[in-house]
Amino acid sequence: MTLFTLSGFQRDLLTVIAGHDQPSGQQIKTELEDARDEEINHGRLYPNLDVLVDKGYVEKGQIDRRTNFYQITDEGRAALRDRREWEAQYVQELARA
């Protein structure tokens, strides 16, 4: 499963991007900071977003000269779906216990 090559932080980024329509890096940062209850610096955020772009899970576009947006690709959606199916087999076993 290719999504295993990502860190947990990168999977969280991908999940946030999937839940929004072309969020900016700042919107993604704010969403994750709220969810994780921690500050995320730009030096961590943008290199990890670039990994998602390089792996083909996310496309990056430009809103203006200073602001980019991110959009999940079909490959990114498939990877998240595969990950959820893999997780579900274990969660279902826990529910039965």
Protein backbone atom coordinates (compact mmCIF):
# COMPACT_ATOMS: atom_id res chain seq x y z
CA MET A 1 0.00 0.00 0.00
CA THR A 2 1.61 3.21 -1.16
CA LEU A 3 0.13 5.39 1.56
CA PHE A 4 2.40 3.63 4.05
CA THR A 5 5.31 5.55 2.54
CA LEU A 6 3.88 8.74 4.04
CA SER A 7 4.33 9.93 7.60
CA GLY A 8 1.30 10.31 9.83
CA PHE A 9 1.60 14.08 9.45
CA GLN A 10 1.53 13.76 5.67
CA ARG A 11 -1.55 11.52 5.85
CA ASP A 12 -3.21 14.15 8.05
CA LEU A 13 -2.39 16.83 5.49
CA LEU A 14 -3.85 14.70 2.72
CA THR A 15 -7.01 14.10 4.73
CA VAL A 16 -7.49 17.83 5.37
CA ILE A 17 -6.94 18.64 1.70
CA ALA A 18 -9.48 15.96 0.71
CA GLY A 19 -12.08 17.61 2.93
CA HIS A 20 -11.80 21.05 1.36
CA ASP A 21 -12.09 22.63 -2.07
CA GLN A 22 -8.62 23.89 -2.99
CA PRO A 23 -7.48 25.05 0.44
CA SER A 24 -4.49 27.35 0.76
CA GLY A 25 -1.47 26.28 2.75
CA GLN A 26 -2.55 28.66 5.52
CA GLN A 27 -6.05 27.11 5.64
CA ILE A 28 -4.53 23.64 5.89
CA LYS A 29 -2.17 24.81 8.63
CA THR A 30 -5.01 26.36 10.65
CA GLU A 31 -7.20 23.27 10.30
CA LEU A 32 -4.43 20.93 11.46
CA GLU A 33 -3.39 23.20 14.32
CA ASP A 34 -6.96 23.16 15.60
CA ALA A 35 -7.31 19.39 15.20
CA ARG A 36 -3.92 18.52 16.66
CA ASP A 37 -3.88 21.27 19.30
CA GLU A 38 -0.31 22.20 18.39
CA GLU A 39 1.47 24.89 16.44
CA ILE A 40 2.74 23.87 13.01
CA ASN A 41 5.54 25.95 11.57
CA HIS A 42 6.01 26.72 7.90
CA GLY A 43 9.28 24.78 7.83
CA ARG A 44 7.34 21.61 8.60
CA LEU A 45 4.18 22.32 6.63
CA TYR A 46 5.39 23.25 3.17
CA PRO A 47 8.09 20.60 2.68
CA ASN A 48 5.50 17.96 3.62
CA LEU A 49 2.97 19.44 1.20
CA ASP A 50 5.67 19.27 -1.47
CA VAL A 51 6.14 15.54 -0.75
CA LEU A 52 2.42 15.00 -1.41
CA VAL A 53 2.73 16.91 -4.68
CA ASP A 54 5.87 14.99 -5.69
CA LYS A 55 4.15 11.64 -5.00
CA GLY A 56 1.15 12.66 -7.14
CA TYR A 57 -1.39 12.66 -4.29
CA VAL A 58 -1.95 16.42 -4.50
CA GLU A 59 -1.80 19.09 -7.17
CA LYS A 60 -0.57 22.57 -6.35
CA GLY A 61 -1.88 25.69 -8.03
CA GLN A 62 -1.49 29.40 -7.57
CA ILE A 63 -4.15 31.72 -6.17
CA ASP A 64 -1.91 34.80 -6.38
CA ARG A 65 1.81 35.58 -6.25
CA ARG A 66 2.03 34.68 -2.56
CA THR A 67 -0.65 32.03 -2.10
CA ASN A 68 -0.89 28.48 -3.41
CA PHE A 69 -3.82 26.11 -3.24
CA TYR A 70 -3.77 22.35 -2.96
CA GLN A 71 -6.17 19.83 -4.46
CA ILE A 72 -6.30 16.08 -3.95
CA THR A 73 -5.82 13.96 -7.07
CA ASP A 74 -7.60 10.76 -8.02
CA GLU A 75 -4.47 8.91 -6.89
CA GLY A 76 -4.66 10.65 -3.51
CA ARG A 77 -8.34 9.74 -3.13
CA ALA A 78 -7.61 6.12 -4.01
CA ALA A 79 -4.74 5.98 -1.52
CA LEU A 80 -6.95 7.37 1.28
CA ARG A 81 -9.71 4.91 0.37
CA ASP A 82 -7.25 1.99 0.41
CA ARG A 83 -5.91 3.13 3.78
CA ARG A 84 -9.42 3.38 5.25
CA GLU A 85 -10.27 -0.12 4.01
CA TRP A 86 -7.08 -1.48 5.53
CA GLU A 87 -7.83 0.27 8.86
CA ALA A 88 -11.44 -0.92 8.83
CA GLN A 89 -10.48 -4.58 8.94
CA TYR A 90 -8.76 -3.98 12.28
CA VAL A 91 -11.35 -1.63 13.69
CA GLN A 92 -14.09 -4.12 12.90
CA GLU A 93 -12.17 -6.82 14.79
CA LEU A 94 -11.95 -4.50 17.79
CA ALA A 95 -15.69 -3.82 17.66
CA ARG A 96 -16.39 -7.55 17.83
CA ALA A 97 -14.11 -8.07 20.84
